[in-house]
Amino acid sequence: MGFVNTISSINKINKLLKDLENQVSITQDQVERNASVETLQNSLNVLKNIHQEMIDTFGNSRGARMAMYTVFGDKMQAPELLLYSKNLIYHLYAIIQSK
């Protein structure tokens, strides 16, 4: 059962990373177009949800934590992915606060 859980968790993380990449692209466009605070807040909430789902998924699978993933062409493991995601959230939050 551990192997099946690991594969399922890795697949879920890969899906979340695709969602993360898509949301970052959308958010970059919103920032460049000077979107409203409400629009950026919605994007921030999406990024927070993705981040939390990754935390939950990594928490349920040691194998998923040890696996390598690719996001925006960079290879990372769980700690680096979570730090990357957290930094995206903080950066967007700072942009919102500056408006």
N, C-alpha and C. Protein backbone atom coordinates (compact mmCIF):
# COMPACT_ATOMS: atom_id res chain seq x y z
N MET A 1 0.82 -1.18 0.00
CA MET A 1 0.00 0.00 0.00
C MET A 1 0.86 1.25 0.00
N GLY A 2 2.05 1.24 0.59
CA GLY A 2 2.94 2.39 0.60
C GLY A 2 3.33 2.83 -0.79
N PHE A 3 3.60 1.87 -1.66
CA PHE A 3 4.00 2.19 -3.03
C PHE A 3 2.86 2.89 -3.77
N VAL A 4 1.64 2.38 -3.61
CA VAL A 4 0.48 2.97 -4.28
C VAL A 4 0.24 4.38 -3.75
N ASN A 5 0.39 4.57 -2.44
CA ASN A 5 0.24 5.90 -1.84
C ASN A 5 1.29 6.86 -2.39
N THR A 6 2.52 6.38 -2.51
CA THR A 6 3.60 7.23 -3.03
C THR A 6 3.30 7.67 -4.45
N ILE A 7 2.92 6.74 -5.30
CA ILE A 7 2.62 7.07 -6.70
C ILE A 7 1.44 8.04 -6.78
N SER A 8 0.42 7.79 -6.01
CA SER A 8 -0.75 8.67 -5.99
C SER A 8 -0.36 10.07 -5.51
N SER A 9 0.45 10.15 -4.49
CA SER A 9 0.89 11.45 -3.95
C SER A 9 1.77 12.19 -4.94
N ILE A 10 2.67 11.48 -5.60
CA ILE A 10 3.54 12.11 -6.60
C ILE A 10 2.70 12.65 -7.75
N ASN A 11 1.72 11.88 -8.19
CA ASN A 11 0.84 12.35 -9.26
C ASN A 11 0.06 13.60 -8.83
N LYS A 12 -0.40 13.61 -7.59
CA LYS A 12 -1.13 14.78 -7.10
C LYS A 12 -0.22 16.00 -7.04
N ILE A 13 1.01 15.82 -6.56
CA ILE A 13 1.96 16.94 -6.51
C ILE A 13 2.25 17.46 -7.91
N ASN A 14 2.45 16.57 -8.86
CA ASN A 14 2.70 17.01 -10.24
C ASN A 14 1.53 17.82 -10.79
N LYS A 15 0.31 17.42 -10.47
CA LYS A 15 -0.87 18.18 -10.88
C LYS A 15 -0.88 19.55 -10.20
N LEU A 16 -0.58 19.57 -8.92
CA LEU A 16 -0.54 20.84 -8.20
C LEU A 16 0.54 21.77 -8.75
N LEU A 17 1.66 21.20 -9.17
CA LEU A 17 2.73 22.03 -9.74
C LEU A 17 2.31 22.63 -11.08
N LYS A 18 1.56 21.88 -11.88
CA LYS A 18 1.02 22.44 -13.12
C LYS A 18 0.06 23.58 -12.81
N ASP A 19 -0.79 23.36 -11.79
CA ASP A 19 -1.71 24.42 -11.36
C ASP A 19 -0.94 25.64 -10.88
N LEU A 20 0.14 25.41 -10.12
CA LEU A 20 0.97 26.50 -9.61
C LEU A 20 1.58 27.29 -10.76
N GLU A 21 2.16 26.59 -11.72
CA GLU A 21 2.76 27.28 -12.88
C GLU A 21 1.72 28.10 -13.63
N ASN A 22 0.55 27.54 -13.84
CA ASN A 22 -0.51 28.26 -14.53
C ASN A 22 -0.93 29.49 -13.73
N GLN A 23 -1.11 29.33 -12.44
CA GLN A 23 -1.54 30.46 -11.61
C GLN A 23 -0.48 31.55 -11.54
N VAL A 24 0.78 31.18 -11.50
CA VAL A 24 1.84 32.18 -11.50
C VAL A 24 1.82 32.97 -12.81
N SER A 25 1.63 32.29 -13.91
CA SER A 25 1.54 32.98 -15.21
C SER A 25 0.36 33.95 -15.24
N ILE A 26 -0.77 33.50 -14.75
CA ILE A 26 -1.96 34.35 -14.69
C ILE A 26 -1.70 35.56 -13.79
N THR A 27 -1.11 35.32 -12.65
CA THR A 27 -0.86 36.39 -11.69
C THR A 27 0.15 37.39 -12.22
N GLN A 28 1.19 36.90 -12.91
CA GLN A 28 2.16 37.82 -13.51
C GLN A 28 1.46 38.75 -14.50
N ASP A 29 0.57 38.20 -15.29
CA ASP A 29 -0.18 39.01 -16.25
C ASP A 29 -1.05 40.04 -15.51
N GLN A 30 -1.68 39.62 -14.43
CA GLN A 30 -2.52 40.53 -13.66
C GLN A 30 -1.70 41.68 -13.09
N VAL A 31 -0.53 41.38 -12.56
CA VAL A 31 0.33 42.41 -12.00
C VAL A 31 0.78 43.38 -13.09
N GLU A 32 1.18 42.84 -14.24
CA GLU A 32 1.63 43.69 -15.35
C GLU A 32 0.51 44.60 -15.85
N ARG A 33 -0.72 44.12 -15.77
CA ARG A 33 -1.87 44.91 -16.24
C ARG A 33 -2.49 45.76 -15.13
N ASN A 34 -1.81 45.81 -13.98
CA ASN A 34 -2.26 46.62 -12.85
C ASN A 34 -3.68 46.24 -12.42
N ALA A 35 -3.89 44.97 -12.20
CA ALA A 35 -5.20 44.45 -11.79
C ALA A 35 -5.58 45.01 -10.42
N SER A 36 -6.85 44.93 -10.13
CA SER A 36 -7.37 45.43 -8.85
C SER A 36 -6.84 44.59 -7.69
N VAL A 37 -6.92 45.18 -6.51
CA VAL A 37 -6.50 44.48 -5.29
C VAL A 37 -7.33 43.21 -5.12
N GLU A 38 -8.62 43.30 -5.41
CA GLU A 38 -9.50 42.13 -5.25
C GLU A 38 -9.09 40.99 -6.17
N THR A 39 -8.74 41.31 -7.40
CA THR A 39 -8.30 40.29 -8.35
C THR A 39 -7.01 39.64 -7.87
N LEU A 40 -6.07 40.45 -7.42
CA LEU A 40 -4.80 39.92 -6.92
C LEU A 40 -5.01 39.11 -5.64
N GLN A 41 -5.95 39.54 -4.81
CA GLN A 41 -6.25 38.79 -3.59
C GLN A 41 -6.81 37.41 -3.93
N ASN A 42 -7.64 37.34 -4.96
CA ASN A 42 -8.16 36.04 -5.41
C ASN A 42 -7.01 35.13 -5.87
N SER A 43 -6.08 35.69 -6.62
CA SER A 43 -4.92 34.91 -7.07
C SER A 43 -4.08 34.46 -5.88
N LEU A 44 -3.93 35.34 -4.90
CA LEU A 44 -3.20 34.99 -3.69
C LEU A 44 -3.86 33.81 -2.99
N ASN A 45 -5.17 33.83 -2.90
CA ASN A 45 -5.90 32.73 -2.25
C ASN A 45 -5.72 31.42 -3.00
N VAL A 46 -5.70 31.47 -4.33
CA VAL A 46 -5.46 30.25 -5.12
C VAL A 46 -4.07 29.71 -4.81
N LEU A 47 -3.06 30.58 -4.78
CA LEU A 47 -1.70 30.15 -4.48
C LEU A 47 -1.61 29.56 -3.06
N LYS A 48 -2.29 30.18 -2.12
CA LYS A 48 -2.30 29.65 -0.75
C LYS A 48 -2.92 28.26 -0.70
N ASN A 49 -4.00 28.06 -1.44
CA ASN A 49 -4.65 26.74 -1.46
C ASN A 49 -3.75 25.68 -2.07
N ILE A 50 -3.08 26.02 -3.16
CA ILE A 50 -2.15 25.08 -3.78
C ILE A 50 -1.04 24.72 -2.79
N HIS A 51 -0.50 25.75 -2.14
CA HIS A 51 0.58 25.54 -1.15
C HIS A 51 0.11 24.60 -0.04
N GLN A 52 -1.08 24.84 0.48
CA GLN A 52 -1.59 24.00 1.57
C GLN A 52 -1.83 22.56 1.11
N GLU A 53 -2.33 22.40 -0.11
CA GLU A 53 -2.53 21.04 -0.64
C GLU A 53 -1.20 20.31 -0.78
N MET A 54 -0.16 21.04 -1.18
CA MET A 54 1.17 20.40 -1.27
C MET A 54 1.64 19.98 0.12
N ILE A 55 1.47 20.86 1.11
CA ILE A 55 1.86 20.51 2.49
C ILE A 55 1.14 19.24 2.93
N ASP A 56 -0.17 19.21 2.72
CA ASP A 56 -0.97 18.06 3.14
C ASP A 56 -0.53 16.78 2.43
N THR A 57 -0.27 16.88 1.13
CA THR A 57 0.11 15.71 0.35
C THR A 57 1.49 15.21 0.76
N PHE A 58 2.44 16.13 0.92
CA PHE A 58 3.77 15.72 1.38
C PHE A 58 3.71 15.11 2.78
N GLY A 59 2.81 15.62 3.61
CA GLY A 59 2.67 15.10 4.97
C GLY A 59 2.17 13.67 5.02
N ASN A 60 1.50 13.23 3.95
CA ASN A 60 0.94 11.89 3.91
C ASN A 60 1.83 10.87 3.21
N SER A 61 2.97 11.31 2.67
CA SER A 61 3.78 10.38 1.89
C SER A 61 5.26 10.72 1.98
N ARG A 62 5.99 9.87 2.63
CA ARG A 62 7.45 10.03 2.72
C ARG A 62 8.08 9.92 1.34
N GLY A 63 7.57 9.00 0.55
CA GLY A 63 8.11 8.82 -0.80
C GLY A 63 7.93 10.06 -1.65
N ALA A 64 6.80 10.73 -1.51
CA ALA A 64 6.55 11.97 -2.27
C ALA A 64 7.50 13.07 -1.81
N ARG A 65 7.82 13.10 -0.53
CA ARG A 65 8.76 14.12 -0.02
C ARG A 65 10.16 13.91 -0.59
N MET A 66 10.52 12.66 -0.86
CA MET A 66 11.86 12.35 -1.34
C MET A 66 11.99 12.48 -2.86
N ALA A 67 10.89 12.46 -3.57
CA ALA A 67 10.92 12.50 -5.04
C ALA A 67 11.39 13.87 -5.54
N MET A 68 11.86 13.88 -6.79
CA MET A 68 12.27 15.12 -7.45
C MET A 68 11.13 15.59 -8.35
N TYR A 69 10.93 16.90 -8.39
CA TYR A 69 9.88 17.50 -9.20
C TYR A 69 10.49 18.63 -10.02
N THR A 70 9.80 18.98 -11.09
CA THR A 70 10.26 20.07 -11.94
C THR A 70 9.19 21.15 -11.95
N VAL A 71 9.61 22.37 -11.62
CA VAL A 71 8.72 23.52 -11.70
C VAL A 71 9.49 24.64 -12.40
N PHE A 72 8.89 25.17 -13.43
CA PHE A 72 9.53 26.20 -14.26
C PHE A 72 10.94 25.79 -14.69
N GLY A 73 11.13 24.51 -14.97
CA GLY A 73 12.40 24.01 -15.47
C GLY A 73 13.44 23.69 -14.41
N ASP A 74 13.14 23.99 -13.15
CA ASP A 74 14.07 23.70 -12.07
C ASP A 74 13.65 22.45 -11.32
N LYS A 75 14.62 21.61 -10.98
CA LYS A 75 14.33 20.38 -10.23
C LYS A 75 14.45 20.67 -8.74
N MET A 76 13.44 20.19 -8.01
CA MET A 76 13.40 20.43 -6.56
C MET A 76 12.76 19.25 -5.84
N GLN A 77 13.07 19.15 -4.56
CA GLN A 77 12.38 18.22 -3.68
C GLN A 77 11.41 19.01 -2.81
N ALA A 78 10.67 18.32 -1.98
CA ALA A 78 9.60 18.92 -1.18
C ALA A 78 10.01 20.20 -0.44
N PRO A 79 11.12 20.21 0.31
CA PRO A 79 11.44 21.43 1.06
C PRO A 79 11.63 22.65 0.16
N GLU A 80 12.32 22.45 -0.96
CA GLU A 80 12.57 23.55 -1.87
C GLU A 80 11.27 24.01 -2.55
N LEU A 81 10.41 23.05 -2.90
CA LEU A 81 9.13 23.39 -3.51
C LEU A 81 8.27 24.22 -2.57
N LEU A 82 8.21 23.81 -1.32
CA LEU A 82 7.39 24.53 -0.35
C LEU A 82 7.96 25.92 -0.08
N LEU A 83 9.28 26.03 -0.02
CA LEU A 83 9.90 27.34 0.15
C LEU A 83 9.63 28.23 -1.06
N TYR A 84 9.74 27.67 -2.24
CA TYR A 84 9.47 28.41 -3.48
C TYR A 84 8.03 28.92 -3.48
N SER A 85 7.10 28.04 -3.16
CA SER A 85 5.69 28.39 -3.14
C SER A 85 5.41 29.47 -2.08
N LYS A 86 6.01 29.30 -0.92
CA LYS A 86 5.82 30.28 0.16
C LYS A 86 6.35 31.65 -0.26
N ASN A 87 7.50 31.66 -0.92
CA ASN A 87 8.07 32.93 -1.38
C ASN A 87 7.19 33.60 -2.42
N LEU A 88 6.57 32.82 -3.30
CA LEU A 88 5.62 33.39 -4.26
C LEU A 88 4.47 34.08 -3.54
N ILE A 89 3.96 33.42 -2.52
CA ILE A 89 2.84 33.97 -1.75
C ILE A 89 3.26 35.26 -1.07
N TYR A 90 4.42 35.27 -0.42
CA TYR A 90 4.89 36.48 0.25
C TYR A 90 5.12 37.63 -0.74
N HIS A 91 5.67 37.29 -1.88
CA HIS A 91 5.94 38.31 -2.90
C HIS A 91 4.64 38.94 -3.39
N LEU A 92 3.64 38.11 -3.69
CA LEU A 92 2.36 38.63 -4.15
C LEU A 92 1.69 39.43 -3.04
N TYR A 93 1.79 38.96 -1.81
CA TYR A 93 1.21 39.69 -0.69
C TYR A 93 1.84 41.09 -0.59
N ALA A 94 3.15 41.19 -0.77
CA ALA A 94 3.84 42.48 -0.73
C ALA A 94 3.35 43.40 -1.85
N ILE A 95 3.12 42.83 -3.02
CA ILE A 95 2.60 43.63 -4.14
C ILE A 95 1.22 44.17 -3.78
N ILE A 96 0.37 43.33 -3.23
CA ILE A 96 -0.97 43.75 -2.83
C ILE A 96 -0.91 44.84 -1.78
N GLN A 97 -0.04 44.67 -0.81
CA GLN A 97 0.08 45.67 0.26
C GLN A 97 0.58 47.02 -0.24
N SER A 98 1.33 47.01 -1.32
CA SER A 98 1.87 48.27 -1.86
C SER A 98 0.85 49.04 -2.69
N LYS A 99 -0.29 48.44 -2.96
CA LYS A 99 -1.32 49.12 -3.77
C LYS A 99 -2.17 50.03 -2.92
